[in-house]
Amino acid sequence: MKQKTSYWLIALLMVCSVVFGGLTGYFCAFYHVKSSQKTFEKEMQKEMTASIDENVKKEASTAAKNALKENMKSIQAEASNQKLSVDTVYQVQKYDAASKQTTTEYETLPKELVGLDRDETDAYCKKYMSSLPVQEYLDGLQSFGVVAFAKDRLIVKKIYDSSKVTYRYYLIAIDGEVVVYYGDKNTIYEYTGIETKNLTTEERTQLKKGVEVKDENELYSILENYSS
């Protein structure tokens, strides 16, 4: 009888062990699934948050770009309505690179500028630099541009550096005569009346190419030599 009871106890313990093991496995598996689900949900939430943030940033960037474009259009439209007139104050800043000093002068607005807008005024400055008046060349004008533009006031700046003017005069033979140009090679300074046929072969060859003359003293020294 005791032996049977022992068998029943052992069997019961085995059944309980199996049941307990099964329950333990179930709960472990359940915990693992729940844990994985939570991890998955967290990752999904992060991805969704990142995606939303990225979309918000893109929308904000697009909105900012559109606002900037509209602002630029507004500024350009306003600028196009700003045109110079005979009543515009013309302020000229002149910077001398040698002395490192800036002077300000008020001049009458050039007639070529009347009726121009900002872009047209910039174009005028570039054209001015490409074909300098002779005095501006001799003074060593290096740059010319707009500092501030409004219909009631135009401020421009000119930068001069006389050390960049390597020669002030230019000699060349034209129709058998020695002609003196300013250093810009466009403006005639003097018709000398000196005939090239009376010069040496070397001098005539030099005049065909053109002779650059540093200053007035050198000019008159050369002309005196041609005349002797």
C-alpha atoms as a PDB file:
ATOM      1  CA  MET A   1       0.000   0.000   0.000  1.00  0.00           C
ATOM      2  CA  LYS A   2       2.785   2.346   0.918  1.00  0.00           C
ATOM      3  CA  GLN A   3       4.576   1.466  -2.293  1.00  0.00           C
ATOM      4  CA  LYS A   4       1.492   2.364  -4.361  1.00  0.00           C
ATOM      5  CA  THR A   5       1.165   5.634  -2.533  1.00  0.00           C
ATOM      6  CA  SER A   6       4.784   6.411  -3.366  1.00  0.00           C
ATOM      7  CA  TYR A   7       4.152   5.710  -7.039  1.00  0.00           C
ATOM      8  CA  TRP A   8       1.138   7.995  -7.027  1.00  0.00           C
ATOM      9  CA  LEU A   9       3.139  10.761  -5.381  1.00  0.00           C
ATOM     10  CA  ILE A  10       5.944  10.377  -7.877  1.00  0.00           C
ATOM     11  CA  ALA A  11       3.469  10.414 -10.756  1.00  0.00           C
ATOM     12  CA  LEU A  12       1.752  13.466  -9.328  1.00  0.00           C
ATOM     13  CA  LEU A  13       5.052  15.242  -8.925  1.00  0.00           C
ATOM     14  CA  MET A  14       5.975  14.428 -12.511  1.00  0.00           C
ATOM     15  CA  VAL A  15       2.647  15.738 -13.759  1.00  0.00           C
ATOM     16  CA  CYS A  16       3.046  18.892 -11.693  1.00  0.00           C
ATOM     17  CA  SER A  17       6.579  19.286 -13.018  1.00  0.00           C
ATOM     18  CA  VAL A  18       5.400  18.951 -16.595  1.00  0.00           C
ATOM     19  CA  VAL A  19       2.532  21.368 -16.022  1.00  0.00           C
ATOM     20  CA  PHE A  20       4.804  23.828 -14.247  1.00  0.00           C
ATOM     21  CA  GLY A  21       7.411  23.560 -16.990  1.00  0.00           C
ATOM     22  CA  GLY A  22       4.756  24.123 -19.604  1.00  0.00           C
ATOM     23  CA  LEU A  23       3.382  27.127 -17.795  1.00  0.00           C
ATOM     24  CA  THR A  24       6.887  28.502 -17.314  1.00  0.00           C
ATOM     25  CA  GLY A  25       7.643  28.064 -21.010  1.00  0.00           C
ATOM     26  CA  TYR A  26       4.344  29.648 -21.921  1.00  0.00           C
ATOM     27  CA  PHE A  27       4.928  32.657 -19.705  1.00  0.00           C
ATOM     28  CA  CYS A  28       8.514  33.030 -20.965  1.00  0.00           C
ATOM     29  CA  ALA A  29       7.310  32.884 -24.537  1.00  0.00           C
ATOM     30  CA  PHE A  30       4.497  35.296 -23.742  1.00  0.00           C
ATOM     31  CA  TYR A  31       6.947  37.684 -22.056  1.00  0.00           C
ATOM     32  CA  HIS A  32       9.323  37.433 -25.005  1.00  0.00           C
ATOM     33  CA  VAL A  33       6.508  38.170 -27.456  1.00  0.00           C
ATOM     34  CA  LYS A  34       5.279  41.135 -25.413  1.00  0.00           C
ATOM     35  CA  SER A  35       8.833  42.433 -25.044  1.00  0.00           C
ATOM     36  CA  SER A  36       9.442  42.090 -28.788  1.00  0.00           C
ATOM     37  CA  GLN A  37       6.124  43.775 -29.482  1.00  0.00           C
ATOM     38  CA  LYS A  38       7.021  46.702 -27.219  1.00  0.00           C
ATOM     39  CA  THR A  39      10.441  47.013 -28.876  1.00  0.00           C
ATOM     40  CA  PHE A  40       8.800  46.902 -32.303  1.00  0.00           C
ATOM     41  CA  GLU A  41       6.252  49.526 -31.254  1.00  0.00           C
ATOM     42  CA  LYS A  42       9.027  51.774 -29.925  1.00  0.00           C
ATOM     43  CA  GLU A  43      11.014  51.434 -33.154  1.00  0.00           C
ATOM     44  CA  MET A  44       7.915  52.143 -35.213  1.00  0.00           C
ATOM     45  CA  GLN A  45       7.152  55.166 -33.054  1.00  0.00           C
ATOM     46  CA  LYS A  46      10.701  56.455 -33.528  1.00  0.00           C
ATOM     47  CA  GLU A  47      10.488  55.976 -37.289  1.00  0.00           C
ATOM     48  CA  MET A  48       7.097  57.681 -37.445  1.00  0.00           C
ATOM     49  CA  THR A  49       8.363  60.564 -35.294  1.00  0.00           C
ATOM     50  CA  ALA A  50      11.483  60.915 -37.460  1.00  0.00           C
ATOM     51  CA  SER A  51       9.353  60.795 -40.603  1.00  0.00           C
ATOM     52  CA  ILE A  52       6.982  63.430 -39.231  1.00  0.00           C
ATOM     53  CA  ASP A  53       9.922  65.636 -38.161  1.00  0.00           C
ATOM     54  CA  GLU A  54      11.501  65.270 -41.604  1.00  0.00           C
ATOM     55  CA  ASN A  55       8.237  66.194 -43.321  1.00  0.00           C
ATOM     56  CA  VAL A  56       7.798  69.177 -41.014  1.00  0.00           C
ATOM     57  CA  LYS A  57      11.363  70.312 -41.761  1.00  0.00           C
ATOM     58  CA  LYS A  58      10.810  69.934 -45.506  1.00  0.00           C
ATOM     59  CA  GLU A  59       7.554  71.862 -45.336  1.00  0.00           C
ATOM     60  CA  ALA A  60       9.197  74.584 -43.224  1.00  0.00           C
ATOM     61  CA  SER A  61      12.154  74.770 -45.628  1.00  0.00           C
ATOM     62  CA  THR A  62       9.825  74.980 -48.634  1.00  0.00           C
ATOM     63  CA  ALA A  63       7.757  77.671 -46.933  1.00  0.00           C
ATOM     64  CA  ALA A  64      10.908  79.652 -46.091  1.00  0.00           C
ATOM     65  CA  LYS A  65      12.189  79.375 -49.673  1.00  0.00           C
ATOM     66  CA  ASN A  66       8.840  80.490 -51.076  1.00  0.00           C
ATOM     67  CA  ALA A  67       8.744  83.416 -48.651  1.00  0.00           C
ATOM     68  CA  LEU A  68      12.289  84.403 -49.670  1.00  0.00           C
ATOM     69  CA  LYS A  69      11.371  84.226 -53.361  1.00  0.00           C
ATOM     70  CA  GLU A  70       8.319  86.390 -52.805  1.00  0.00           C
ATOM     71  CA  ASN A  71      10.402  88.851 -50.788  1.00  0.00           C
ATOM     72  CA  MET A  72      13.036  89.026 -53.536  1.00  0.00           C
ATOM     73  CA  LYS A  73      10.332  89.580 -56.146  1.00  0.00           C
ATOM     74  CA  SER A  74       8.919  92.388 -54.033  1.00  0.00           C
ATOM     75  CA  ILE A  75      12.346  93.985 -53.621  1.00  0.00           C
ATOM     76  CA  GLN A  76      13.089  93.680 -57.344  1.00  0.00           C
ATOM     77  CA  ALA A  77       9.703  95.135 -58.233  1.00  0.00           C
ATOM     78  CA  GLU A  78      10.289  98.038 -55.867  1.00  0.00           C
ATOM     79  CA  ALA A  79      13.803  98.570 -57.223  1.00  0.00           C
ATOM     80  CA  SER A  80      12.535  98.585 -60.801  1.00  0.00           C
ATOM     81  CA  ASN A  81      10.206 101.431 -59.858  1.00  0.00           C
ATOM     82  CA  GLN A  82      13.159 103.427 -58.510  1.00  0.00           C
ATOM     83  CA  LYS A  83      14.523 105.550 -61.330  1.00  0.00           C
ATOM     84  CA  LEU A  84      16.989 108.421 -61.264  1.00  0.00           C
ATOM     85  CA  SER A  85      15.902 111.931 -62.199  1.00  0.00           C
ATOM     86  CA  VAL A  86      17.374 115.397 -62.566  1.00  0.00           C
ATOM     87  CA  ASP A  87      16.474 115.940 -58.902  1.00  0.00           C
ATOM     88  CA  THR A  88      18.528 112.961 -57.700  1.00  0.00           C
ATOM     89  CA  VAL A  89      21.412 113.898 -55.395  1.00  0.00           C
ATOM     90  CA  TYR A  90      24.630 112.535 -56.923  1.00  0.00           C
ATOM     91  CA  GLN A  91      27.253 111.722 -54.288  1.00  0.00           C
ATOM     92  CA  VAL A  92      30.699 110.596 -55.443  1.00  0.00           C
ATOM     93  CA  GLN A  93      33.157 108.958 -53.043  1.00  0.00           C
ATOM     94  CA  LYS A  94      36.757 109.022 -54.285  1.00  0.00           C
ATOM     95  CA  TYR A  95      39.355 106.770 -52.692  1.00  0.00           C
ATOM     96  CA  ASP A  96      43.050 107.449 -53.343  1.00  0.00           C
ATOM     97  CA  ALA A  97      45.079 104.262 -52.893  1.00  0.00           C
ATOM     98  CA  ALA A  98      48.333 106.220 -52.545  1.00  0.00           C
ATOM     99  CA  SER A  99      47.184 108.389 -49.620  1.00  0.00           C
ATOM    100  CA  LYS A 100      44.551 105.886 -48.396  1.00  0.00           C
ATOM    101  CA  GLN A 101      42.080 108.760 -48.071  1.00  0.00           C
ATOM    102  CA  THR A 102      38.474 109.088 -49.194  1.00  0.00           C
ATOM    103  CA  THR A 103      36.895 112.365 -50.242  1.00  0.00           C
ATOM    104  CA  THR A 104      33.223 112.981 -50.976  1.00  0.00           C
ATOM    105  CA  GLU A 105      31.972 115.298 -53.699  1.00  0.00           C
ATOM    106  CA  TYR A 106      28.465 116.270 -54.795  1.00  0.00           C
ATOM    107  CA  GLU A 107      28.092 116.597 -58.542  1.00  0.00           C
ATOM    108  CA  THR A 108      25.327 117.103 -61.065  1.00  0.00           C
ATOM    109  CA  LEU A 109      23.872 113.779 -62.116  1.00  0.00           C
ATOM    110  CA  PRO A 110      25.240 112.908 -65.590  1.00  0.00           C
ATOM    111  CA  LYS A 111      22.483 113.164 -68.170  1.00  0.00           C
ATOM    112  CA  GLU A 112      23.200 109.574 -69.253  1.00  0.00           C
ATOM    113  CA  LEU A 113      21.959 108.408 -65.841  1.00  0.00           C
ATOM    114  CA  VAL A 114      18.616 110.226 -65.889  1.00  0.00           C
ATOM    115  CA  GLY A 115      15.737 107.736 -66.091  1.00  0.00           C
ATOM    116  CA  LEU A 116      17.864 104.666 -65.294  1.00  0.00           C
ATOM    117  CA  ASP A 117      17.046 102.000 -62.697  1.00  0.00           C
ATOM    118  CA  ARG A 118      19.576 100.116 -60.530  1.00  0.00           C
ATOM    119  CA  ASP A 119      20.535  97.472 -63.089  1.00  0.00           C
ATOM    120  CA  GLU A 120      20.899 100.053 -65.836  1.00  0.00           C
ATOM    121  CA  THR A 121      23.065 102.194 -63.551  1.00  0.00           C
ATOM    122  CA  ASP A 122      25.348  99.214 -62.856  1.00  0.00           C
ATOM    123  CA  ALA A 123      25.636  98.668 -66.603  1.00  0.00           C
ATOM    124  CA  TYR A 124      26.517 102.347 -67.064  1.00  0.00           C
ATOM    125  CA  CYS A 125      29.379 102.032 -64.551  1.00  0.00           C
ATOM    126  CA  LYS A 126      30.788  98.985 -66.359  1.00  0.00           C
ATOM    127  CA  LYS A 127      30.594 100.742 -69.709  1.00  0.00           C
ATOM    128  CA  TYR A 128      32.269 103.812 -68.205  1.00  0.00           C
ATOM    129  CA  MET A 129      35.212 101.674 -67.061  1.00  0.00           C
ATOM    130  CA  SER A 130      35.561 100.038 -70.477  1.00  0.00           C
ATOM    131  CA  SER A 131      35.964 103.422 -72.175  1.00  0.00           C
ATOM    132  CA  LEU A 132      37.495 105.842 -69.672  1.00  0.00           C
ATOM    133  CA  PRO A 133      37.640 109.580 -70.251  1.00  0.00           C
ATOM    134  CA  VAL A 134      41.290 110.484 -70.703  1.00  0.00           C
ATOM    135  CA  GLN A 135      41.563 112.389 -67.415  1.00  0.00           C
ATOM    136  CA  GLU A 136      40.172 109.435 -65.483  1.00  0.00           C
ATOM    137  CA  TYR A 137      42.799 107.236 -67.142  1.00  0.00           C
ATOM    138  CA  LEU A 138      45.596 109.639 -66.243  1.00  0.00           C
ATOM    139  CA  ASP A 139      44.335 109.855 -62.656  1.00  0.00           C
ATOM    140  CA  GLY A 140      44.497 106.073 -62.421  1.00  0.00           C
ATOM    141  CA  LEU A 141      40.812 105.160 -62.047  1.00  0.00           C
ATOM    142  CA  GLN A 142      40.673 101.428 -61.235  1.00  0.00           C
ATOM    143  CA  SER A 143      37.034 100.819 -60.354  1.00  0.00           C
ATOM    144  CA  PHE A 144      33.674 102.560 -60.389  1.00  0.00           C
ATOM    145  CA  GLY A 145      30.464 101.209 -58.874  1.00  0.00           C
ATOM    146  CA  VAL A 146      27.208 101.886 -57.048  1.00  0.00           C
ATOM    147  CA  VAL A 147      27.291 102.044 -53.232  1.00  0.00           C
ATOM    148  CA  ALA A 148      23.646 102.995 -52.635  1.00  0.00           C
ATOM    149  CA  PHE A 149      20.759 103.511 -55.035  1.00  0.00           C
ATOM    150  CA  ALA A 150      17.491 105.365 -54.533  1.00  0.00           C
ATOM    151  CA  LYS A 151      15.475 107.692 -56.733  1.00  0.00           C
ATOM    152  CA  ASP A 152      16.337 110.648 -54.497  1.00  0.00           C
ATOM    153  CA  ARG A 153      20.043 109.818 -53.916  1.00  0.00           C
ATOM    154  CA  LEU A 154      22.739 107.932 -55.811  1.00  0.00           C
ATOM    155  CA  ILE A 155      26.044 107.172 -54.093  1.00  0.00           C
ATOM    156  CA  VAL A 156      28.925 105.846 -56.180  1.00  0.00           C
ATOM    157  CA  LYS A 157      32.537 105.067 -55.356  1.00  0.00           C
ATOM    158  CA  LYS A 158      35.631 105.551 -57.498  1.00  0.00           C
ATOM    159  CA  ILE A 159      38.982 104.020 -56.577  1.00  0.00           C
ATOM    160  CA  TYR A 160      42.140 105.633 -57.946  1.00  0.00           C
ATOM    161  CA  ASP A 161      45.695 104.301 -58.014  1.00  0.00           C
ATOM    162  CA  SER A 162      48.064 106.492 -60.010  1.00  0.00           C
ATOM    163  CA  SER A 163      50.877 103.952 -59.594  1.00  0.00           C
ATOM    164  CA  LYS A 164      48.997 101.693 -62.028  1.00  0.00           C
ATOM    165  CA  VAL A 165      49.418 104.259 -64.834  1.00  0.00           C
ATOM    166  CA  THR A 166      52.633 102.957 -66.399  1.00  0.00           C
ATOM    167  CA  TYR A 167      52.708 105.468 -69.257  1.00  0.00           C
ATOM    168  CA  ARG A 168      50.892 108.743 -69.871  1.00  0.00           C
ATOM    169  CA  TYR A 169      51.638 109.225 -73.579  1.00  0.00           C
ATOM    170  CA  TYR A 170      51.899 107.070 -76.652  1.00  0.00           C
ATOM    171  CA  LEU A 171      53.724 107.858 -79.912  1.00  0.00           C
ATOM    172  CA  ILE A 172      52.808 106.361 -83.272  1.00  0.00           C
ATOM    173  CA  ALA A 173      53.286 107.133 -86.957  1.00  0.00           C
ATOM    174  CA  ILE A 174      50.161 108.097 -88.919  1.00  0.00           C
ATOM    175  CA  ASP A 175      50.370 108.984 -92.621  1.00  0.00           C
ATOM    176  CA  GLY A 176      54.091 109.683 -92.325  1.00  0.00           C
ATOM    177  CA  GLU A 177      53.751 111.960 -89.267  1.00  0.00           C
ATOM    178  CA  VAL A 178      54.597 111.431 -85.582  1.00  0.00           C
ATOM    179  CA  VAL A 179      51.373 111.726 -83.574  1.00  0.00           C
ATOM    180  CA  VAL A 180      51.168 111.864 -79.776  1.00  0.00           C
ATOM    181  CA  TYR A 181      48.266 110.126 -78.014  1.00  0.00           C
ATOM    182  CA  TYR A 182      47.443 110.055 -74.355  1.00  0.00           C
ATOM    183  CA  GLY A 183      48.145 106.738 -72.635  1.00  0.00           C
ATOM    184  CA  ASP A 184      44.592 105.539 -73.321  1.00  0.00           C
ATOM    185  CA  LYS A 185      45.632 105.278 -77.008  1.00  0.00           C
ATOM    186  CA  ASN A 186      42.303 106.796 -78.033  1.00  0.00           C
ATOM    187  CA  THR A 187      42.699 110.513 -77.388  1.00  0.00           C
ATOM    188  CA  ILE A 188      45.114 112.569 -79.490  1.00  0.00           C
ATOM    189  CA  TYR A 189      47.363 114.860 -77.491  1.00  0.00           C
ATOM    190  CA  GLU A 190      49.292 116.507 -80.333  1.00  0.00           C
ATOM    191  CA  TYR A 191      50.091 116.372 -84.023  1.00  0.00           C
ATOM    192  CA  THR A 192      53.831 117.048 -83.960  1.00  0.00           C
ATOM    193  CA  GLY A 193      54.383 117.859 -87.630  1.00  0.00           C
ATOM    194  CA  ILE A 194      57.516 115.698 -87.516  1.00  0.00           C
ATOM    195  CA  GLU A 195      57.795 113.598 -90.690  1.00  0.00           C
ATOM    196  CA  THR A 196      58.870 110.002 -90.248  1.00  0.00           C
ATOM    197  CA  LYS A 197      60.950 110.080 -93.451  1.00  0.00           C
ATOM    198  CA  ASN A 198      63.482 112.218 -91.605  1.00  0.00           C
ATOM    199  CA  LEU A 199      63.929 109.636 -88.836  1.00  0.00           C
ATOM    200  CA  THR A 200      66.275 106.678 -88.648  1.00  0.00           C
ATOM    201  CA  THR A 201      65.162 103.201 -89.685  1.00  0.00           C
ATOM    202  CA  GLU A 202      65.165 102.087 -86.052  1.00  0.00           C
ATOM    203  CA  GLU A 203      62.987 105.036 -84.995  1.00  0.00           C
ATOM    204  CA  ARG A 204      60.489 104.391 -87.811  1.00  0.00           C
ATOM    205  CA  THR A 205      60.293 100.710 -86.822  1.00  0.00           C
ATOM    206  CA  GLN A 206      59.597 101.682 -83.201  1.00  0.00           C
ATOM    207  CA  LEU A 207      56.873 104.121 -84.244  1.00  0.00           C
ATOM    208  CA  LYS A 208      55.136 101.458 -86.332  1.00  0.00           C
ATOM    209  CA  LYS A 209      54.798  99.363 -83.180  1.00  0.00           C
ATOM    210  CA  GLY A 210      54.050 102.362 -80.959  1.00  0.00           C
ATOM    211  CA  VAL A 211      56.238 103.979 -78.317  1.00  0.00           C
ATOM    212  CA  GLU A 212      55.035 104.173 -74.713  1.00  0.00           C
ATOM    213  CA  VAL A 213      56.160 107.335 -72.907  1.00  0.00           C
ATOM    214  CA  LYS A 214      56.246 107.517 -69.119  1.00  0.00           C
ATOM    215  CA  ASP A 215      55.685 111.250 -68.567  1.00  0.00           C
ATOM    216  CA  GLU A 216      55.868 114.722 -70.098  1.00  0.00           C
ATOM    217  CA  ASN A 217      59.623 115.117 -69.558  1.00  0.00           C
ATOM    218  CA  GLU A 218      60.352 111.906 -71.456  1.00  0.00           C
ATOM    219  CA  LEU A 219      57.921 112.942 -74.194  1.00  0.00           C
ATOM    220  CA  TYR A 220      59.648 116.239 -74.949  1.00  0.00           C
ATOM    221  CA  SER A 221      63.057 114.601 -74.756  1.00  0.00           C
ATOM    222  CA  ILE A 222      62.026 112.093 -77.456  1.00  0.00           C
ATOM    223  CA  LEU A 223      60.401 114.741 -79.672  1.00  0.00           C
ATOM    224  CA  GLU A 224      63.472 116.950 -79.372  1.00  0.00           C
ATOM    225  CA  ASN A 225      65.628 114.025 -80.450  1.00  0.00           C
ATOM    226  CA  TYR A 226      63.348 113.402 -83.463  1.00  0.00           C
ATOM    227  CA  SER A 227      63.596 117.048 -84.499  1.00  0.00           C
ATOM    228  CA  SER A 228      67.393 117.317 -84.267  1.00  0.00           C
END
